[in-house]
Amino acid sequence: MAHDEVQQHPIGIYFAIWGLLFVLSAFSYLVDYLGFESYTRWFLILLFMFLKAGFIIAIFMHMRWERLALRCAILVPPGALLVLVALMAIESDFTENIRFDVFGTPAAPVGHE
């Protein structure tokens, strides 16, 4: 009988990633606690969110040890969607600017004098 080898990952890596996720979450809460505002706040929150998601996908979903075809099948479609969302955001800004150029500045909403 052939004996299939099962790859065991050291438990220490899981504990290290849990600790890192805890630290990244603490940094994310510190962004609000320290009072960052505007684009800096959103950049830091999104950065910590993407870092945490990346570590969860890489380690706990075992993506780090999977073959390239499976990684691409899972990671490329969301990446393509993010590119399309970015293109739509750029297009919407362009359309809004053209409307302001043609029709003038928008009127204030009713009740906001």
PDB file of N, CA and C in Angstrom:
ATOM      1  N   MET A   1       0.829  -1.184   0.000  1.00  0.00           N
ATOM      2  CA  MET A   1       0.000   0.000   0.000  1.00  0.00           C
ATOM      3  C   MET A   1       0.871   1.244   0.000  1.00  0.00           C
ATOM      4  N   ALA A   2       0.466   2.197  -0.790  1.00  0.00           N
ATOM      5  CA  ALA A   2       1.211   3.462  -0.833  1.00  0.00           C
ATOM      6  C   ALA A   2       0.723   4.346   0.308  1.00  0.00           C
ATOM      7  N   HIS A   3       1.689   4.961   0.954  1.00  0.00           N
ATOM      8  CA  HIS A   3       1.363   5.834   2.088  1.00  0.00           C
ATOM      9  C   HIS A   3       1.474   7.284   1.627  1.00  0.00           C
ATOM     10  N   ASP A   4       0.343   8.001   1.639  1.00  0.00           N
ATOM     11  CA  ASP A   4       0.352   9.408   1.250  1.00  0.00           C
ATOM     12  C   ASP A   4       0.897  10.236   2.401  1.00  0.00           C
ATOM     13  N   GLU A   5       1.830  11.102   2.071  1.00  0.00           N
ATOM     14  CA  GLU A   5       2.373  11.983   3.094  1.00  0.00           C
ATOM     15  C   GLU A   5       1.452  13.178   3.274  1.00  0.00           C
ATOM     16  N   VAL A   6       1.162  13.476   4.505  1.00  0.00           N
ATOM     17  CA  VAL A   6       0.323  14.616   4.836  1.00  0.00           C
ATOM     18  C   VAL A   6       1.240  15.714   5.350  1.00  0.00           C
ATOM     19  N   GLN A   7       1.117  16.875   4.743  1.00  0.00           N
ATOM     20  CA  GLN A   7       1.970  17.989   5.151  1.00  0.00           C
ATOM     21  C   GLN A   7       1.404  18.625   6.413  1.00  0.00           C
ATOM     22  N   GLN A   8       2.193  18.672   7.452  1.00  0.00           N
ATOM     23  CA  GLN A   8       1.796  19.289   8.709  1.00  0.00           C
ATOM     24  C   GLN A   8       2.529  20.617   8.846  1.00  0.00           C
ATOM     25  N   HIS A   9       1.791  21.653   9.129  1.00  0.00           N
ATOM     26  CA  HIS A   9       2.401  22.952   9.339  1.00  0.00           C
ATOM     27  C   HIS A   9       2.641  23.128  10.827  1.00  0.00           C
ATOM     28  N   PRO A  10       3.747  23.743  11.186  1.00  0.00           N
ATOM     29  CA  PRO A  10       4.024  23.924  12.616  1.00  0.00           C
ATOM     30  C   PRO A  10       2.968  24.828  13.257  1.00  0.00           C
ATOM     31  N   ILE A  11       2.551  24.461  14.459  1.00  0.00           N
ATOM     32  CA  ILE A  11       1.507  25.223  15.162  1.00  0.00           C
ATOM     33  C   ILE A  11       1.983  26.617  15.523  1.00  0.00           C
ATOM     34  N   GLY A  12       3.300  26.786  15.633  1.00  0.00           N
ATOM     35  CA  GLY A  12       3.841  28.100  15.984  1.00  0.00           C
ATOM     36  C   GLY A  12       3.490  29.173  14.975  1.00  0.00           C
ATOM     37  N   ILE A  13       3.405  28.787  13.700  1.00  0.00           N
ATOM     38  CA  ILE A  13       3.062  29.781  12.675  1.00  0.00           C
ATOM     39  C   ILE A  13       1.635  30.285  12.875  1.00  0.00           C
ATOM     40  N   TYR A  14       0.735  29.408  13.293  1.00  0.00           N
ATOM     41  CA  TYR A  14      -0.643  29.828  13.541  1.00  0.00           C
ATOM     42  C   TYR A  14      -0.726  30.778  14.734  1.00  0.00           C
ATOM     43  N   PHE A  15       0.019  30.458  15.788  1.00  0.00           N
ATOM     44  CA  PHE A  15       0.034  31.354  16.947  1.00  0.00           C
ATOM     45  C   PHE A  15       0.637  32.709  16.593  1.00  0.00           C
ATOM     46  N   ALA A  16       1.686  32.696  15.767  1.00  0.00           N
ATOM     47  CA  ALA A  16       2.313  33.958  15.357  1.00  0.00           C
ATOM     48  C   ALA A  16       1.339  34.799  14.529  1.00  0.00           C
ATOM     49  N   ILE A  17       0.600  34.161  13.630  1.00  0.00           N
ATOM     50  CA  ILE A  17      -0.367  34.900  12.802  1.00  0.00           C
ATOM     51  C   ILE A  17      -1.512  35.415  13.663  1.00  0.00           C
ATOM     52  N   TRP A  18      -1.979  34.625  14.645  1.00  0.00           N
ATOM     53  CA  TRP A  18      -3.021  35.119  15.551  1.00  0.00           C
ATOM     54  C   TRP A  18      -2.536  36.351  16.296  1.00  0.00           C
ATOM     55  N   GLY A  19      -1.292  36.299  16.760  1.00  0.00           N
ATOM     56  CA  GLY A  19      -0.729  37.466  17.444  1.00  0.00           C
ATOM     57  C   GLY A  19      -0.633  38.668  16.528  1.00  0.00           C
ATOM     58  N   LEU A  20      -0.191  38.438  15.287  1.00  0.00           N
ATOM     59  CA  LEU A  20      -0.089  39.526  14.313  1.00  0.00           C
ATOM     60  C   LEU A  20      -1.463  40.106  13.995  1.00  0.00           C
ATOM     61  N   LEU A  21      -2.478  39.251  13.864  1.00  0.00           N
ATOM     62  CA  LEU A  21      -3.836  39.746  13.620  1.00  0.00           C
ATOM     63  C   LEU A  21      -4.330  40.583  14.800  1.00  0.00           C
ATOM     64  N   PHE A  22      -3.983  40.179  16.007  1.00  0.00           N
ATOM     65  CA  PHE A  22      -4.356  40.953  17.188  1.00  0.00           C
ATOM     66  C   PHE A  22      -3.692  42.328  17.159  1.00  0.00           C
ATOM     67  N   VAL A  23      -2.409  42.366  16.799  1.00  0.00           N
ATOM     68  CA  VAL A  23      -1.682  43.640  16.741  1.00  0.00           C
ATOM     69  C   VAL A  23      -2.259  44.538  15.645  1.00  0.00           C
ATOM     70  N   LEU A  24      -2.548  43.973  14.476  1.00  0.00           N
ATOM     71  CA  LEU A  24      -3.130  44.770  13.389  1.00  0.00           C
ATOM     72  C   LEU A  24      -4.515  45.303  13.778  1.00  0.00           C
ATOM     73  N   SER A  25      -5.291  44.501  14.491  1.00  0.00           N
ATOM     74  CA  SER A  25      -6.599  44.978  14.959  1.00  0.00           C
ATOM     75  C   SER A  25      -6.426  46.111  15.966  1.00  0.00           C
ATOM     76  N   ALA A  26      -5.436  45.987  16.833  1.00  0.00           N
ATOM     77  CA  ALA A  26      -5.170  47.060  17.797  1.00  0.00           C
ATOM     78  C   ALA A  26      -4.780  48.347  17.069  1.00  0.00           C
ATOM     79  N   PHE A  27      -3.944  48.233  16.041  1.00  0.00           N
ATOM     80  CA  PHE A  27      -3.580  49.414  15.253  1.00  0.00           C
ATOM     81  C   PHE A  27      -4.807  50.019  14.574  1.00  0.00           C
ATOM     82  N   SER A  28      -5.691  49.169  14.084  1.00  0.00           N
ATOM     83  CA  SER A  28      -6.905  49.656  13.434  1.00  0.00           C
ATOM     84  C   SER A  28      -7.775  50.440  14.426  1.00  0.00           C
ATOM     85  N   TYR A  29      -7.902  49.943  15.656  1.00  0.00           N
ATOM     86  CA  TYR A  29      -8.657  50.676  16.678  1.00  0.00           C
ATOM     87  C   TYR A  29      -7.939  51.955  17.090  1.00  0.00           C
ATOM     88  N   LEU A  30      -6.607  51.930  17.094  1.00  0.00           N
ATOM     89  CA  LEU A  30      -5.845  53.131  17.457  1.00  0.00           C
ATOM     90  C   LEU A  30      -6.054  54.267  16.454  1.00  0.00           C
ATOM     91  N   VAL A  31      -6.339  53.913  15.208  1.00  0.00           N
ATOM     92  CA  VAL A  31      -6.599  54.945  14.200  1.00  0.00           C
ATOM     93  C   VAL A  31      -7.759  55.818  14.652  1.00  0.00           C
ATOM     94  N   ASP A  32      -8.826  55.192  15.159  1.00  0.00           N
ATOM     95  CA  ASP A  32      -9.966  55.964  15.661  1.00  0.00           C
ATOM     96  C   ASP A  32      -9.643  56.641  16.984  1.00  0.00           C
ATOM     97  N   TYR A  33      -8.952  55.935  17.852  1.00  0.00           N
ATOM     98  CA  TYR A  33      -8.644  56.474  19.177  1.00  0.00           C
ATOM     99  C   TYR A  33      -7.750  57.707  19.094  1.00  0.00           C
ATOM    100  N   LEU A  34      -6.777  57.692  18.180  1.00  0.00           N
ATOM    101  CA  LEU A  34      -5.847  58.820  18.052  1.00  0.00           C
ATOM    102  C   LEU A  34      -6.417  59.973  17.231  1.00  0.00           C
ATOM    103  N   GLY A  35      -7.570  59.757  16.623  1.00  0.00           N
ATOM    104  CA  GLY A  35      -8.267  60.855  15.959  1.00  0.00           C
ATOM    105  C   GLY A  35      -7.771  61.192  14.569  1.00  0.00           C
ATOM    106  N   PHE A  36      -7.246  60.209  13.852  1.00  0.00           N
ATOM    107  CA  PHE A  36      -6.890  60.478  12.455  1.00  0.00           C
ATOM    108  C   PHE A  36      -8.153  60.826  11.689  1.00  0.00           C
ATOM    109  N   GLU A  37      -8.021  61.704  10.686  1.00  0.00           N
ATOM    110  CA  GLU A  37      -9.191  62.133   9.932  1.00  0.00           C
ATOM    111  C   GLU A  37      -8.925  62.078   8.442  1.00  0.00           C
ATOM    112  N   SER A  38      -9.996  62.127   7.680  1.00  0.00           N
ATOM    113  CA  SER A  38      -9.982  62.250   6.242  1.00  0.00           C
ATOM    114  C   SER A  38      -9.306  61.057   5.568  1.00  0.00           C
ATOM    115  N   TYR A  39      -8.506  61.342   4.540  1.00  0.00           N
ATOM    116  CA  TYR A  39      -7.916  60.272   3.734  1.00  0.00           C
ATOM    117  C   TYR A  39      -6.906  59.446   4.514  1.00  0.00           C
ATOM    118  N   THR A  40      -6.223  60.041   5.471  1.00  0.00           N
ATOM    119  CA  THR A  40      -5.270  59.284   6.286  1.00  0.00           C
ATOM    120  C   THR A  40      -5.995  58.207   7.077  1.00  0.00           C
ATOM    121  N   ARG A  41      -7.112  58.557   7.664  1.00  0.00           N
ATOM    122  CA  ARG A  41      -7.898  57.596   8.441  1.00  0.00           C
ATOM    123  C   ARG A  41      -8.352  56.437   7.577  1.00  0.00           C
ATOM    124  N   TRP A  42      -8.933  56.749   6.418  1.00  0.00           N
ATOM    125  CA  TRP A  42      -9.443  55.688   5.552  1.00  0.00           C
ATOM    126  C   TRP A  42      -8.313  54.853   4.973  1.00  0.00           C
ATOM    127  N   PHE A  43      -7.200  55.477   4.643  1.00  0.00           N
ATOM    128  CA  PHE A  43      -6.061  54.717   4.129  1.00  0.00           C
ATOM    129  C   PHE A  43      -5.565  53.714   5.174  1.00  0.00           C
ATOM    130  N   LEU A  44      -5.412  54.172   6.421  1.00  0.00           N
ATOM    131  CA  LEU A  44      -4.906  53.280   7.465  1.00  0.00           C
ATOM    132  C   LEU A  44      -5.892  52.160   7.776  1.00  0.00           C
ATOM    133  N   ILE A  45      -7.172  52.478   7.851  1.00  0.00           N
ATOM    134  CA  ILE A  45      -8.172  51.446   8.122  1.00  0.00           C
ATOM    135  C   ILE A  45      -8.177  50.400   7.017  1.00  0.00           C
ATOM    136  N   LEU A  46      -8.166  50.849   5.756  1.00  0.00           N
ATOM    137  CA  LEU A  46      -8.158  49.908   4.637  1.00  0.00           C
ATOM    138  C   LEU A  46      -6.858  49.115   4.575  1.00  0.00           C
ATOM    139  N   LEU A  47      -5.740  49.755   4.888  1.00  0.00           N
ATOM    140  CA  LEU A  47      -4.456  49.051   4.890  1.00  0.00           C
ATOM    141  C   LEU A  47      -4.465  47.911   5.907  1.00  0.00           C
ATOM    142  N   PHE A  48      -4.891  48.193   7.133  1.00  0.00           N
ATOM    143  CA  PHE A  48      -4.921  47.150   8.152  1.00  0.00           C
ATOM    144  C   PHE A  48      -5.934  46.066   7.796  1.00  0.00           C
ATOM    145  N   MET A  49      -7.051  46.451   7.187  1.00  0.00           N
ATOM    146  CA  MET A  49      -8.050  45.471   6.789  1.00  0.00           C
ATOM    147  C   MET A  49      -7.493  44.531   5.719  1.00  0.00           C
ATOM    148  N   PHE A  50      -6.824  45.090   4.712  1.00  0.00           N
ATOM    149  CA  PHE A  50      -6.262  44.250   3.655  1.00  0.00           C
ATOM    150  C   PHE A  50      -5.119  43.382   4.172  1.00  0.00           C
ATOM    151  N   LEU A  51      -4.310  43.902   5.080  1.00  0.00           N
ATOM    152  CA  LEU A  51      -3.241  43.086   5.657  1.00  0.00           C
ATOM    153  C   LEU A  51      -3.816  41.902   6.440  1.00  0.00           C
ATOM    154  N   LYS A  52      -4.842  42.165   7.246  1.00  0.00           N
ATOM    155  CA  LYS A  52      -5.456  41.071   8.004  1.00  0.00           C
ATOM    156  C   LYS A  52      -6.082  40.045   7.072  1.00  0.00           C
ATOM    157  N   ALA A  53      -6.801  40.511   6.050  1.00  0.00           N
ATOM    158  CA  ALA A  53      -7.421  39.579   5.103  1.00  0.00           C
ATOM    159  C   ALA A  53      -6.358  38.767   4.363  1.00  0.00           C
ATOM    160  N   GLY A  54      -5.263  39.408   3.996  1.00  0.00           N
ATOM    161  CA  GLY A  54      -4.188  38.696   3.302  1.00  0.00           C
ATOM    162  C   GLY A  54      -3.561  37.609   4.155  1.00  0.00           C
ATOM    163  N   PHE A  55      -3.316  37.904   5.432  1.00  0.00           N
ATOM    164  CA  PHE A  55      -2.750  36.884   6.318  1.00  0.00           C
ATOM    165  C   PHE A  55      -3.737  35.744   6.549  1.00  0.00           C
ATOM    166  N   ILE A  56      -5.012  36.058   6.684  1.00  0.00           N
ATOM    167  CA  ILE A  56      -6.012  35.008   6.879  1.00  0.00           C
ATOM    168  C   ILE A  56      -6.080  34.108   5.654  1.00  0.00           C
ATOM    169  N   ILE A  57      -6.094  34.706   4.466  1.00  0.00           N
ATOM    170  CA  ILE A  57      -6.151  33.914   3.246  1.00  0.00           C
ATOM    171  C   ILE A  57      -4.879  33.090   3.071  1.00  0.00           C
ATOM    172  N   ALA A  58      -3.726  33.704   3.291  1.00  0.00           N
ATOM    173  CA  ALA A  58      -2.456  33.012   3.047  1.00  0.00           C
ATOM    174  C   ALA A  58      -2.217  31.862   4.015  1.00  0.00           C
ATOM    175  N   ILE A  59      -2.504  32.067   5.291  1.00  0.00           N
ATOM    176  CA  ILE A  59      -2.139  31.065   6.295  1.00  0.00           C
ATOM    177  C   ILE A  59      -3.314  30.162   6.652  1.00  0.00           C
ATOM    178  N   PHE A  60      -4.429  30.733   7.084  1.00  0.00           N
ATOM    179  CA  PHE A  60      -5.521  29.898   7.572  1.00  0.00           C
ATOM    180  C   PHE A  60      -6.283  29.206   6.448  1.00  0.00           C
ATOM    181  N   MET A  61      -6.287  29.777   5.246  1.00  0.00           N
ATOM    182  CA  MET A  61      -6.906  29.102   4.104  1.00  0.00           C
ATOM    183  C   MET A  61      -5.869  28.317   3.303  1.00  0.00           C
ATOM    184  N   HIS A  62      -4.650  28.263   3.784  1.00  0.00           N
ATOM    185  CA  HIS A  62      -3.557  27.478   3.196  1.00  0.00           C
ATOM    186  C   HIS A  62      -3.213  27.901   1.768  1.00  0.00           C
ATOM    187  N   MET A  63      -3.499  29.142   1.407  1.00  0.00           N
ATOM    188  CA  MET A  63      -3.167  29.624   0.062  1.00  0.00           C
ATOM    189  C   MET A  63      -1.661  29.677  -0.166  1.00  0.00           C
ATOM    190  N   ARG A  64      -0.924  29.890   0.891  1.00  0.00           N
ATOM    191  CA  ARG A  64       0.531  29.985   0.743  1.00  0.00           C
ATOM    192  C   ARG A  64       1.116  28.686   0.215  1.00  0.00           C
ATOM    193  N   TRP A  65       0.459  27.570   0.504  1.00  0.00           N
ATOM    194  CA  TRP A  65       1.004  26.274   0.130  1.00  0.00           C
ATOM    195  C   TRP A  65       0.292  25.680  -1.084  1.00  0.00           C
ATOM    196  N   GLU A  66      -0.644  26.392  -1.667  1.00  0.00           N
ATOM    197  CA  GLU A  66      -1.374  25.877  -2.830  1.00  0.00           C
ATOM    198  C   GLU A  66      -0.619  26.160  -4.117  1.00  0.00           C
ATOM    199  N   ARG A  67      -1.008  25.479  -5.167  1.00  0.00           N
ATOM    200  CA  ARG A  67      -0.362  25.710  -6.456  1.00  0.00           C
ATOM    201  C   ARG A  67      -0.889  26.989  -7.099  1.00  0.00           C
ATOM    202  N   LEU A  68      -0.128  27.489  -8.050  1.00  0.00           N
ATOM    203  CA  LEU A  68      -0.407  28.792  -8.663  1.00  0.00           C
ATOM    204  C   LEU A  68      -1.783  28.839  -9.326  1.00  0.00           C
ATOM    205  N   ALA A  69      -2.198  27.755  -9.969  1.00  0.00           N
ATOM    206  CA  ALA A  69      -3.495  27.765 -10.664  1.00  0.00           C
ATOM    207  C   ALA A  69      -4.644  27.998  -9.690  1.00  0.00           C
ATOM    208  N   LEU A  70      -4.577  27.381  -8.525  1.00  0.00           N
ATOM    209  CA  LEU A  70      -5.638  27.578  -7.540  1.00  0.00           C
ATOM    210  C   LEU A  70      -5.600  28.989  -6.964  1.00  0.00           C
ATOM    211  N   ARG A  71      -4.410  29.505  -6.727  1.00  0.00           N
ATOM    212  CA  ARG A  71      -4.299  30.889  -6.247  1.00  0.00           C
ATOM    213  C   ARG A  71      -4.917  31.855  -7.240  1.00  0.00           C
ATOM    214  N   CYS A  72      -4.587  31.673  -8.516  1.00  0.00           N
ATOM    215  CA  CYS A  72      -5.124  32.574  -9.547  1.00  0.00           C
ATOM    216  C   CYS A  72      -6.634  32.436  -9.669  1.00  0.00           C
ATOM    217  N   ALA A  73      -7.148  31.217  -9.548  1.00  0.00           N
ATOM    218  CA  ALA A  73      -8.592  31.003  -9.662  1.00  0.00           C
ATOM    219  C   ALA A  73      -9.353  31.677  -8.524  1.00  0.00           C
ATOM    220  N   ILE A  74      -8.710  31.826  -7.372  1.00  0.00           N
ATOM    221  CA  ILE A  74      -9.389  32.432  -6.234  1.00  0.00           C
ATOM    222  C   ILE A  74      -9.119  33.930  -6.138  1.00  0.00           C
ATOM    223  N   LEU A  75      -7.923  34.364  -6.477  1.00  0.00           N
ATOM    224  CA  LEU A  75      -7.547  35.757  -6.247  1.00  0.00           C
ATOM    225  C   LEU A  75      -7.743  36.683  -7.450  1.00  0.00           C
ATOM    226  N   VAL A  76      -7.697  36.163  -8.664  1.00  0.00           N
ATOM    227  CA  VAL A  76      -7.811  37.026  -9.849  1.00  0.00           C
ATOM    228  C   VAL A  76      -9.223  37.612 -10.018  1.00  0.00           C
ATOM    229  N   PRO A  77     -10.317  36.845  -9.862  1.00  0.00           N
ATOM    230  CA  PRO A  77     -11.645  37.465 -10.038  1.00  0.00           C
ATOM    231  C   PRO A  77     -11.921  38.641  -9.104  1.00  0.00           C
ATOM    232  N   PRO A  78     -11.627  38.556  -7.786  1.00  0.00           N
ATOM    233  CA  PRO A  78     -11.833  39.755  -6.966  1.00  0.00           C
ATOM    234  C   PRO A  78     -10.926  40.912  -7.384  1.00  0.00           C
ATOM    235  N   GLY A  79      -9.718  40.604  -7.839  1.00  0.00           N
ATOM    236  CA  GLY A  79      -8.829  41.657  -8.327  1.00  0.00           C
ATOM    237  C   GLY A  79      -9.411  42.346  -9.551  1.00  0.00           C
ATOM    238  N   ALA A  80      -9.981  41.558 -10.459  1.00  0.00           N
ATOM    239  CA  ALA A  80     -10.614  42.137 -11.648  1.00  0.00           C
ATOM    240  C   ALA A  80     -11.802  43.004 -11.262  1.00  0.00           C
ATOM    241  N   LEU A  81     -12.578  42.562 -10.270  1.00  0.00           N
ATOM    242  CA  LEU A  81     -13.704  43.374  -9.810  1.00  0.00           C
ATOM    243  C   LEU A  81     -13.236  44.694  -9.202  1.00  0.00           C
ATOM    244  N   LEU A  82     -12.144  44.661  -8.465  1.00  0.00           N
ATOM    245  CA  LEU A  82     -11.602  45.900  -7.895  1.00  0.00           C
ATOM    246  C   LEU A  82     -11.153  46.861  -8.989  1.00  0.00           C
ATOM    247  N   VAL A  83     -10.560  46.332 -10.046  1.00  0.00           N
ATOM    248  CA  VAL A  83     -10.155  47.183 -11.176  1.00  0.00           C
ATOM    249  C   VAL A  83     -11.388  47.806 -11.824  1.00  0.00           C
ATOM    250  N   LEU A  84     -12.434  47.019 -12.021  1.00  0.00           N
ATOM    251  CA  LEU A  84     -13.656  47.557 -12.627  1.00  0.00           C
ATOM    252  C   LEU A  84     -14.316  48.609 -11.734  1.00  0.00           C
ATOM    253  N   VAL A  85     -14.312  48.395 -10.432  1.00  0.00           N
ATOM    254  CA  VAL A  85     -14.868  49.395  -9.509  1.00  0.00           C
ATOM    255  C   VAL A  85     -14.064  50.689  -9.591  1.00  0.00           C
ATOM    256  N   ALA A  86     -12.739  50.573  -9.664  1.00  0.00           N
ATOM    257  CA  ALA A  86     -11.898  51.769  -9.794  1.00  0.00           C
ATOM    258  C   ALA A  86     -12.198  52.500 -11.099  1.00  0.00           C
ATOM    259  N   LEU A  87     -12.365  51.767 -12.183  1.00  0.00           N
ATOM    260  CA  LEU A  87     -12.695  52.401 -13.461  1.00  0.00           C
ATOM    261  C   LEU A  87     -14.054  53.108 -13.400  1.00  0.00           C
ATOM    262  N   MET A  88     -15.023  52.487 -12.727  1.00  0.00           N
ATOM    263  CA  MET A  88     -16.343  53.130 -12.595  1.00  0.00           C
ATOM    264  C   MET A  88     -16.244  54.400 -11.750  1.00  0.00           C
ATOM    265  N   ALA A  89     -15.414  54.384 -10.719  1.00  0.00           N
ATOM    266  CA  ALA A  89     -15.253  55.581  -9.888  1.00  0.00           C
ATOM    267  C   ALA A  89     -14.626  56.711 -10.695  1.00  0.00           C
ATOM    268  N   ILE A  90     -13.623  56.388 -11.486  1.00  0.00           N
ATOM    269  CA  ILE A  90     -12.985  57.404 -12.339  1.00  0.00           C
ATOM    270  C   ILE A  90     -13.990  57.950 -13.343  1.00  0.00           C
ATOM    271  N   GLU A  91     -14.766  57.063 -13.954  1.00  0.00           N
ATOM    272  CA  GLU A  91     -15.762  57.483 -14.939  1.00  0.00           C
ATOM    273  C   GLU A  91     -16.843  58.351 -14.295  1.00  0.00           C
ATOM    274  N   SER A  92     -17.254  58.017 -13.077  1.00  0.00           N
ATOM    275  CA  SER A  92     -18.301  58.815 -12.429  1.00  0.00           C
ATOM    276  C   SER A  92     -17.792  60.217 -12.100  1.00  0.00           C
ATOM    277  N   ASP A  93     -16.540  60.328 -11.666  1.00  0.00           N
ATOM    278  CA  ASP A  93     -15.974  61.658 -11.421  1.00  0.00           C
ATOM    279  C   ASP A  93     -15.911  62.477 -12.702  1.00  0.00           C
ATOM    280  N   PHE A  94     -15.511  61.832 -13.796  1.00  0.00           N
ATOM    281  CA  PHE A  94     -15.440  62.518 -15.077  1.00  0.00           C
ATOM    282  C   PHE A  94     -16.830  63.003 -15.503  1.00  0.00           C
ATOM    283  N   THR A  95     -17.838  62.124 -15.365  1.00  0.00           N
ATOM    284  CA  THR A  95     -19.200  62.490 -15.749  1.00  0.00           C
ATOM    285  C   THR A  95     -19.724  63.633 -14.888  1.00  0.00           C
ATOM    286  N   GLU A  96     -19.455  63.582 -13.586  1.00  0.00           N
ATOM    287  CA  GLU A  96     -19.904  64.649 -12.696  1.00  0.00           C
ATOM    288  C   GLU A  96     -19.245  65.980 -13.060  1.00  0.00           C
ATOM    289  N   ASN A  97     -17.960  65.968 -13.353  1.00  0.00           N
ATOM    290  CA  ASN A  97     -17.271  67.201 -13.742  1.00  0.00           C
ATOM    291  C   ASN A  97     -17.804  67.767 -15.045  1.00  0.00           C
ATOM    292  N   ILE A  98     -18.109  66.915 -16.004  1.00  0.00           N
ATOM    293  CA  ILE A  98     -18.686  67.380 -17.272  1.00  0.00           C
ATOM    294  C   ILE A  98     -20.049  68.007 -17.023  1.00  0.00           C
ATOM    295  N   ARG A  99     -20.861  67.402 -16.167  1.00  0.00           N
ATOM    296  CA  ARG A  99     -22.177  67.971 -15.862  1.00  0.00           C
ATOM    297  C   ARG A  99     -22.050  69.338 -15.198  1.00  0.00           C
ATOM    298  N   PHE A 100     -21.086  69.484 -14.297  1.00  0.00           N
ATOM    299  CA  PHE A 100     -20.886  70.789 -13.664  1.00  0.00           C
ATOM    300  C   PHE A 100     -20.433  71.820 -14.684  1.00  0.00           C
ATOM    301  N   ASP A 101     -19.591  71.422 -15.635  1.00  0.00           N
ATOM    302  CA  ASP A 101     -19.133  72.351 -16.660  1.00  0.00           C
ATOM    303  C   ASP A 101     -20.281  72.789 -17.567  1.00  0.00           C
ATOM    304  N   VAL A 102     -21.171  71.871 -17.913  1.00  0.00           N
ATOM    305  CA  VAL A 102     -22.250  72.183 -18.849  1.00  0.00           C
ATOM    306  C   VAL A 102     -23.408  72.886 -18.141  1.00  0.00           C
ATOM    307  N   PHE A 103     -23.814  72.370 -16.982  1.00  0.00           N
ATOM    308  CA  PHE A 103     -25.011  72.881 -16.325  1.00  0.00           C
ATOM    309  C   PHE A 103     -24.715  73.849 -15.187  1.00  0.00           C
ATOM    310  N   GLY A 104     -23.483  74.032 -14.809  1.00  0.00           N
ATOM    311  CA  GLY A 104     -23.140  74.917 -13.702  1.00  0.00           C
ATOM    312  C   GLY A 104     -23.092  74.143 -12.396  1.00  0.00           C
ATOM    313  N   THR A 105     -22.820  74.872 -11.318  1.00  0.00           N
ATOM    314  CA  THR A 105     -22.718  74.223 -10.016  1.00  0.00           C
ATOM    315  C   THR A 105     -24.098  73.783  -9.557  1.00  0.00           C
ATOM    316  N   PRO A 106     -24.165  72.695  -8.817  1.00  0.00           N
ATOM    317  CA  PRO A 106     -25.483  72.197  -8.398  1.00  0.00           C
ATOM    318  C   PRO A 106     -26.109  73.109  -7.353  1.00  0.00           C
ATOM    319  N   ALA A 107     -27.443  73.143  -7.357  1.00  0.00           N
ATOM    320  CA  ALA A 107     -28.168  73.945  -6.369  1.00  0.00           C
ATOM    321  C   ALA A 107     -28.130  73.223  -5.026  1.00  0.00           C
ATOM    322  N   ALA A 108     -28.238  74.014  -3.943  1.00  0.00           N
ATOM    323  CA  ALA A 108     -28.260  73.410  -2.605  1.00  0.00           C
ATOM    324  C   ALA A 108     -29.554  72.633  -2.434  1.00  0.00           C
ATOM    325  N   PRO A 109     -29.505  71.478  -1.742  1.00  0.00           N
ATOM    326  CA  PRO A 109     -30.736  70.714  -1.505  1.00  0.00           C
ATOM    327  C   PRO A 109     -31.754  71.530  -0.726  1.00  0.00           C
ATOM    328  N   VAL A 110     -33.002  71.230  -0.884  1.00  0.00           N
ATOM    329  CA  VAL A 110     -34.078  71.943  -0.222  1.00  0.00           C
ATOM    330  C   VAL A 110     -33.930  71.781   1.286  1.00  0.00           C
ATOM    331  N   GLY A 111     -34.055  72.886   2.004  1.00  0.00           N
ATOM    332  CA  GLY A 111     -33.957  72.852   3.454  1.00  0.00           C
ATOM    333  C   GLY A 111     -32.546  73.056   3.975  1.00  0.00           C
ATOM    334  N   HIS A 112     -31.575  73.295   3.109  1.00  0.00           N
ATOM    335  CA  HIS A 112     -30.182  73.503   3.511  1.00  0.00           C
ATOM    336  C   HIS A 112     -29.697  74.887   3.073  1.00  0.00           C
ATOM    337  N   GLU A 113     -30.423  75.920   3.445  1.00  0.00           N
ATOM    338  CA  GLU A 113     -30.039  77.272   3.050  1.00  0.00           C
ATOM    339  C   GLU A 113     -28.856  77.758   3.805  1.00  0.00           C
TER     340      GLU A 113
END
